[in-house]
Amino acid sequence: MEDRWLSVDEIGTYLGIKRDTVYKWISDRSMPAHKIGRLWKFKKDEVDAWVRGGGAQEADGANVGKK
């Protein structure tokens, strides 16, 4: 069963971004994250829906990673 909580490093690897970017997106772009104690945890399906909904887009409307 692959419905487990992912760490900051794991979600960063999954999205192909650095951990600093993950923290920035949590605060600046309302990336879906849950704080458990001192740790941020993520559900992959919530993050996928957030990305599909445009949450990871650049300010100018370009997609992240798009050239």
PDB file of N, CA and C in Angstrom:
ATOM      1  N   MET A   1       0.856  -1.186   0.000  1.00  0.00           N
ATOM      2  CA  MET A   1       0.000   0.000   0.000  1.00  0.00           C
ATOM      3  C   MET A   1       0.896   1.243   0.000  1.00  0.00           C
ATOM      4  N   GLU A   2       0.713   2.134  -0.975  1.00  0.00           N
ATOM      5  CA  GLU A   2       1.593   3.286  -1.139  1.00  0.00           C
ATOM      6  C   GLU A   2       0.880   4.588  -0.780  1.00  0.00           C
ATOM      7  N   ASP A   3       0.047   4.556   0.239  1.00  0.00           N
ATOM      8  CA  ASP A   3      -0.657   5.767   0.661  1.00  0.00           C
ATOM      9  C   ASP A   3      -0.055   6.264   1.972  1.00  0.00           C
ATOM     10  N   ARG A   4       1.265   6.495   1.955  1.00  0.00           N
ATOM     11  CA  ARG A   4       1.938   6.916   3.178  1.00  0.00           C
ATOM     12  C   ARG A   4       2.282   8.405   3.101  1.00  0.00           C
ATOM     13  N   TRP A   5       2.608   8.958   4.229  1.00  0.00           N
ATOM     14  CA  TRP A   5       3.010  10.357   4.304  1.00  0.00           C
ATOM     15  C   TRP A   5       4.446  10.493   3.821  1.00  0.00           C
ATOM     16  N   LEU A   6       4.705  11.512   3.010  1.00  0.00           N
ATOM     17  CA  LEU A   6       6.043  11.748   2.484  1.00  0.00           C
ATOM     18  C   LEU A   6       6.707  12.890   3.242  1.00  0.00           C
ATOM     19  N   SER A   7       8.029  12.819   3.359  1.00  0.00           N
ATOM     20  CA  SER A   7       8.804  13.870   4.025  1.00  0.00           C
ATOM     21  C   SER A   7       9.112  15.002   3.041  1.00  0.00           C
ATOM     22  N   VAL A   8       9.702  16.070   3.548  1.00  0.00           N
ATOM     23  CA  VAL A   8      10.113  17.201   2.707  1.00  0.00           C
ATOM     24  C   VAL A   8      11.083  16.717   1.629  1.00  0.00           C
ATOM     25  N   ASP A   9      12.067  15.926   2.013  1.00  0.00           N
ATOM     26  CA  ASP A   9      13.038  15.426   1.038  1.00  0.00           C
ATOM     27  C   ASP A   9      12.383  14.533  -0.013  1.00  0.00           C
ATOM     28  N   GLU A  10      11.466  13.671   0.419  1.00  0.00           N
ATOM     29  CA  GLU A  10      10.798  12.767  -0.518  1.00  0.00           C
ATOM     30  C   GLU A  10       9.916  13.517  -1.502  1.00  0.00           C
ATOM     31  N   ILE A  11       9.162  14.507  -1.028  1.00  0.00           N
ATOM     32  CA  ILE A  11       8.290  15.252  -1.945  1.00  0.00           C
ATOM     33  C   ILE A  11       9.130  16.118  -2.882  1.00  0.00           C
ATOM     34  N   GLY A  12      10.256  16.629  -2.381  1.00  0.00           N
ATOM     35  CA  GLY A  12      11.164  17.386  -3.239  1.00  0.00           C
ATOM     36  C   GLY A  12      11.734  16.522  -4.351  1.00  0.00           C
ATOM     37  N   THR A  13      12.147  15.318  -4.010  1.00  0.00           N
ATOM     38  CA  THR A  13      12.657  14.380  -5.013  1.00  0.00           C
ATOM     39  C   THR A  13      11.564  14.029  -6.006  1.00  0.00           C
ATOM     40  N   TYR A  14      10.364  13.768  -5.515  1.00  0.00           N
ATOM     41  CA  TYR A  14       9.229  13.422  -6.378  1.00  0.00           C
ATOM     42  C   TYR A  14       8.943  14.531  -7.388  1.00  0.00           C
ATOM     43  N   LEU A  15       8.998  15.792  -6.932  1.00  0.00           N
ATOM     44  CA  LEU A  15       8.704  16.923  -7.810  1.00  0.00           C
ATOM     45  C   LEU A  15       9.932  17.432  -8.560  1.00  0.00           C
ATOM     46  N   GLY A  16      11.106  16.979  -8.162  1.00  0.00           N
ATOM     47  CA  GLY A  16      12.329  17.429  -8.818  1.00  0.00           C
ATOM     48  C   GLY A  16      12.752  18.828  -8.408  1.00  0.00           C
ATOM     49  N   ILE A  17      12.500  19.160  -7.132  1.00  0.00           N
ATOM     50  CA  ILE A  17      12.851  20.478  -6.606  1.00  0.00           C
ATOM     51  C   ILE A  17      13.674  20.316  -5.330  1.00  0.00           C
ATOM     52  N   LYS A  18      14.336  21.389  -4.933  1.00  0.00           N
ATOM     53  CA  LYS A  18      15.150  21.360  -3.711  1.00  0.00           C
ATOM     54  C   LYS A  18      14.266  21.544  -2.483  1.00  0.00           C
ATOM     55  N   ARG A  19      14.768  21.092  -1.336  1.00  0.00           N
ATOM     56  CA  ARG A  19      13.994  21.197  -0.089  1.00  0.00           C
ATOM     57  C   ARG A  19      13.679  22.641   0.264  1.00  0.00           C
ATOM     58  N   ASP A  20      14.583  23.584  -0.043  1.00  0.00           N
ATOM     59  CA  ASP A  20      14.307  25.000   0.213  1.00  0.00           C
ATOM     60  C   ASP A  20      13.101  25.481  -0.578  1.00  0.00           C
ATOM     61  N   THR A  21      12.963  24.972  -1.798  1.00  0.00           N
ATOM     62  CA  THR A  21      11.807  25.324  -2.626  1.00  0.00           C
ATOM     63  C   THR A  21      10.526  24.773  -2.017  1.00  0.00           C
ATOM     64  N   VAL A  22      10.580  23.570  -1.468  1.00  0.00           N
ATOM     65  CA  VAL A  22       9.401  22.986  -0.815  1.00  0.00           C
ATOM     66  C   VAL A  22       8.930  23.916   0.306  1.00  0.00           C
ATOM     67  N   TYR A  23       9.853  24.341   1.175  1.00  0.00           N
ATOM     68  CA  TYR A  23       9.474  25.233   2.283  1.00  0.00           C
ATOM     69  C   TYR A  23       8.924  26.561   1.761  1.00  0.00           C
ATOM     70  N   LYS A  24       9.513  27.081   0.694  1.00  0.00           N
ATOM     71  CA  LYS A  24       9.049  28.344   0.121  1.00  0.00           C
ATOM     72  C   LYS A  24       7.631  28.180  -0.436  1.00  0.00           C
ATOM     73  N   TRP A  25       7.380  27.065  -1.121  1.00  0.00           N
ATOM     74  CA  TRP A  25       6.052  26.837  -1.684  1.00  0.00           C
ATOM     75  C   TRP A  25       5.005  26.631  -0.597  1.00  0.00           C
ATOM     76  N   ILE A  26       5.386  26.037   0.532  1.00  0.00           N
ATOM     77  CA  ILE A  26       4.441  25.896   1.640  1.00  0.00           C
ATOM     78  C   ILE A  26       3.994  27.274   2.113  1.00  0.00           C
ATOM     79  N   SER A  27       4.940  28.185   2.296  1.00  0.00           N
ATOM     80  CA  SER A  27       4.609  29.503   2.836  1.00  0.00           C
ATOM     81  C   SER A  27       4.070  30.465   1.788  1.00  0.00           C
ATOM     82  N   ASP A  28       4.619  30.447   0.572  1.00  0.00           N
ATOM     83  CA  ASP A  28       4.251  31.448  -0.431  1.00  0.00           C
ATOM     84  C   ASP A  28       3.149  31.018  -1.389  1.00  0.00           C
ATOM     85  N   ARG A  29       3.005  29.718  -1.608  1.00  0.00           N
ATOM     86  CA  ARG A  29       2.059  29.233  -2.619  1.00  0.00           C
ATOM     87  C   ARG A  29       1.009  28.279  -2.060  1.00  0.00           C
ATOM     88  N   SER A  30       0.942  28.172  -0.743  1.00  0.00           N
ATOM     89  CA  SER A  30      -0.057  27.315  -0.086  1.00  0.00           C
ATOM     90  C   SER A  30       0.007  25.860  -0.548  1.00  0.00           C
ATOM     91  N   MET A  31       1.223  25.363  -0.702  1.00  0.00           N
ATOM     92  CA  MET A  31       1.391  23.951  -1.045  1.00  0.00           C
ATOM     93  C   MET A  31       0.756  23.113   0.069  1.00  0.00           C
ATOM     94  N   PRO A  32      -0.048  22.092  -0.296  1.00  0.00           N
ATOM     95  CA  PRO A  32      -0.707  21.298   0.740  1.00  0.00           C
ATOM     96  C   PRO A  32       0.297  20.489   1.553  1.00  0.00           C
ATOM     97  N   ALA A  33       0.386  20.808   2.825  1.00  0.00           N
ATOM     98  CA  ALA A  33       1.316  20.147   3.737  1.00  0.00           C
ATOM     99  C   ALA A  33       0.686  20.097   5.119  1.00  0.00           C
ATOM    100  N   HIS A  34       1.093  19.131   5.898  1.00  0.00           N
ATOM    101  CA  HIS A  34       0.570  18.949   7.245  1.00  0.00           C
ATOM    102  C   HIS A  34       1.735  18.912   8.209  1.00  0.00           C
ATOM    103  N   LYS A  35       1.679  19.738   9.238  1.00  0.00           N
ATOM    104  CA  LYS A  35       2.750  19.762  10.223  1.00  0.00           C
ATOM    105  C   LYS A  35       2.421  18.759  11.320  1.00  0.00           C
ATOM    106  N   ILE A  36       3.320  17.812  11.487  1.00  0.00           N
ATOM    107  CA  ILE A  36       3.165  16.786  12.507  1.00  0.00           C
ATOM    108  C   ILE A  36       4.349  16.957  13.454  1.00  0.00           C
ATOM    109  N   GLY A  37       4.076  17.537  14.609  1.00  0.00           N
ATOM    110  CA  GLY A  37       5.170  17.902  15.505  1.00  0.00           C
ATOM    111  C   GLY A  37       5.983  19.008  14.862  1.00  0.00           C
ATOM    112  N   ARG A  38       7.266  18.774  14.678  1.00  0.00           N
ATOM    113  CA  ARG A  38       8.133  19.757  14.016  1.00  0.00           C
ATOM    114  C   ARG A  38       8.304  19.475  12.536  1.00  0.00           C
ATOM    115  N   LEU A  39       7.753  18.371  12.055  1.00  0.00           N
ATOM    116  CA  LEU A  39       7.992  17.924  10.689  1.00  0.00           C
ATOM    117  C   LEU A  39       6.827  18.235   9.763  1.00  0.00           C
ATOM    118  N   TRP A  40       7.134  18.593   8.526  1.00  0.00           N
ATOM    119  CA  TRP A  40       6.130  18.745   7.485  1.00  0.00           C
ATOM    120  C   TRP A  40       5.979  17.412   6.779  1.00  0.00           C
ATOM    121  N   LYS A  41       4.735  17.002   6.551  1.00  0.00           N
ATOM    122  CA  LYS A  41       4.442  15.756   5.846  1.00  0.00           C
ATOM    123  C   LYS A  41       3.454  16.038   4.727  1.00  0.00           C
ATOM    124  N   PHE A  42       3.484  15.200   3.700  1.00  0.00           N
ATOM    125  CA  PHE A  42       2.709  15.432   2.486  1.00  0.00           C
ATOM    126  C   PHE A  42       2.023  14.157   2.041  1.00  0.00           C
ATOM    127  N   LYS A  43       0.826  14.316   1.480  1.00  0.00           N
ATOM    128  CA  LYS A  43       0.131  13.232   0.796  1.00  0.00           C
ATOM    129  C   LYS A  43       0.333  13.476  -0.696  1.00  0.00           C
ATOM    130  N   LYS A  44       0.860  12.482  -1.382  1.00  0.00           N
ATOM    131  CA  LYS A  44       1.202  12.632  -2.794  1.00  0.00           C
ATOM    132  C   LYS A  44      -0.005  13.042  -3.633  1.00  0.00           C
ATOM    133  N   ASP A  45      -1.177  12.465  -3.362  1.00  0.00           N
ATOM    134  CA  ASP A  45      -2.360  12.803  -4.156  1.00  0.00           C
ATOM    135  C   ASP A  45      -2.788  14.260  -3.967  1.00  0.00           C
ATOM    136  N   GLU A  46      -2.615  14.807  -2.763  1.00  0.00           N
ATOM    137  CA  GLU A  46      -2.946  16.214  -2.517  1.00  0.00           C
ATOM    138  C   GLU A  46      -1.995  17.135  -3.277  1.00  0.00           C
ATOM    139  N   VAL A  47      -0.706  16.789  -3.264  1.00  0.00           N
ATOM    140  CA  VAL A  47       0.292  17.596  -3.968  1.00  0.00           C
ATOM    141  C   VAL A  47       0.063  17.498  -5.479  1.00  0.00           C
ATOM    142  N   ASP A  48      -0.242  16.309  -5.976  1.00  0.00           N
ATOM    143  CA  ASP A  48      -0.533  16.143  -7.399  1.00  0.00           C
ATOM    144  C   ASP A  48      -1.705  17.028  -7.828  1.00  0.00           C
ATOM    145  N   ALA A  49      -2.774  17.038  -7.046  1.00  0.00           N
ATOM    146  CA  ALA A  49      -3.941  17.861  -7.365  1.00  0.00           C
ATOM    147  C   ALA A  49      -3.588  19.344  -7.330  1.00  0.00           C
ATOM    148  N   TRP A  50      -2.760  19.748  -6.372  1.00  0.00           N
ATOM    149  CA  TRP A  50      -2.325  21.141  -6.252  1.00  0.00           C
ATOM    150  C   TRP A  50      -1.512  21.561  -7.475  1.00  0.00           C
ATOM    151  N   VAL A  51      -0.611  20.688  -7.926  1.00  0.00           N
ATOM    152  CA  VAL A  51       0.198  20.983  -9.116  1.00  0.00           C
ATOM    153  C   VAL A  51      -0.710  21.076 -10.342  1.00  0.00           C
ATOM    154  N   ARG A  52      -1.614  20.120 -10.503  1.00  0.00           N
ATOM    155  CA  ARG A  52      -2.535  20.136 -11.654  1.00  0.00           C
ATOM    156  C   ARG A  52      -3.414  21.380 -11.652  1.00  0.00           C
ATOM    157  N   GLY A  53      -3.740  21.873 -10.469  1.00  0.00           N
ATOM    158  CA  GLY A  53      -4.578  23.068 -10.351  1.00  0.00           C
ATOM    159  C   GLY A  53      -3.816  24.374 -10.539  1.00  0.00           C
ATOM    160  N   GLY A  54      -2.519  24.286 -10.811  1.00  0.00           N
ATOM    161  CA  GLY A  54      -1.733  25.485 -11.084  1.00  0.00           C
ATOM    162  C   GLY A  54      -0.959  26.026  -9.907  1.00  0.00           C
ATOM    163  N   GLY A  55      -0.942  25.329  -8.795  1.00  0.00           N
ATOM    164  CA  GLY A  55      -0.252  25.815  -7.609  1.00  0.00           C
ATOM    165  C   GLY A  55       1.253  25.963  -7.759  1.00  0.00           C
ATOM    166  N   ALA A  56       1.848  25.200  -8.664  1.00  0.00           N
ATOM    167  CA  ALA A  56       3.299  25.243  -8.836  1.00  0.00           C
ATOM    168  C   ALA A  56       3.720  26.131 -10.001  1.00  0.00           C
ATOM    169  N   GLN A  57       2.781  26.887 -10.562  1.00  0.00           N
ATOM    170  CA  GLN A  57       3.117  27.746 -11.698  1.00  0.00           C
ATOM    171  C   GLN A  57       3.946  28.943 -11.267  1.00  0.00           C
ATOM    172  N   GLU A  58       4.804  29.388 -12.183  1.00  0.00           N
ATOM    173  CA  GLU A  58       5.578  30.610 -11.966  1.00  0.00           C
ATOM    174  C   GLU A  58       4.624  31.795 -11.940  1.00  0.00           C
ATOM    175  N   ALA A  59       5.075  32.894 -11.383  1.00  0.00           N
ATOM    176  CA  ALA A  59       4.246  34.101 -11.282  1.00  0.00           C
ATOM    177  C   ALA A  59       3.793  34.602 -12.642  1.00  0.00           C
ATOM    178  N   ASP A  60       4.601  34.403 -13.686  1.00  0.00           N
ATOM    179  CA  ASP A  60       4.234  34.883 -15.019  1.00  0.00           C
ATOM    180  C   ASP A  60       3.319  33.911 -15.771  1.00  0.00           C
ATOM    181  N   GLY A  61       2.940  32.809 -15.093  1.00  0.00           N
ATOM    182  CA  GLY A  61       2.013  31.850 -15.696  1.00  0.00           C
ATOM    183  C   GLY A  61       2.693  30.678 -16.368  1.00  0.00           C
ATOM    184  N   ALA A  62       4.020  30.690 -16.462  1.00  0.00           N
ATOM    185  CA  ALA A  62       4.736  29.574 -17.066  1.00  0.00           C
ATOM    186  C   ALA A  62       4.791  28.408 -16.096  1.00  0.00           C
ATOM    187  N   ASN A  63       4.766  27.200 -16.595  1.00  0.00           N
ATOM    188  CA  ASN A  63       4.850  26.023 -15.743  1.00  0.00           C
ATOM    189  C   ASN A  63       6.271  25.842 -15.247  1.00  0.00           C
ATOM    190  N   VAL A  64       6.402  25.318 -14.057  1.00  0.00           N
ATOM    191  CA  VAL A  64       7.722  25.024 -13.501  1.00  0.00           C
ATOM    192  C   VAL A  64       8.363  23.951 -14.367  1.00  0.00           C
ATOM    193  N   GLY A  65       9.628  24.140 -14.691  1.00  0.00           N
ATOM    194  CA  GLY A  65      10.344  23.175 -15.500  1.00  0.00           C
ATOM    195  C   GLY A  65      10.125  23.327 -16.981  1.00  0.00           C
ATOM    196  N   LYS A  66       9.241  24.209 -17.403  1.00  0.00           N
ATOM    197  CA  LYS A  66       8.970  24.417 -18.809  1.00  0.00           C
ATOM    198  C   LYS A  66      10.006  25.356 -19.389  1.00  0.00           C
ATOM    199  N   LYS A  67      10.509  25.047 -20.578  1.00  0.00           N
ATOM    200  CA  LYS A  67      11.551  25.892 -21.195  1.00  0.00           C
ATOM    201  C   LYS A  67      11.010  26.645 -22.368  1.00  0.00           C
TER     202      LYS A  67
END
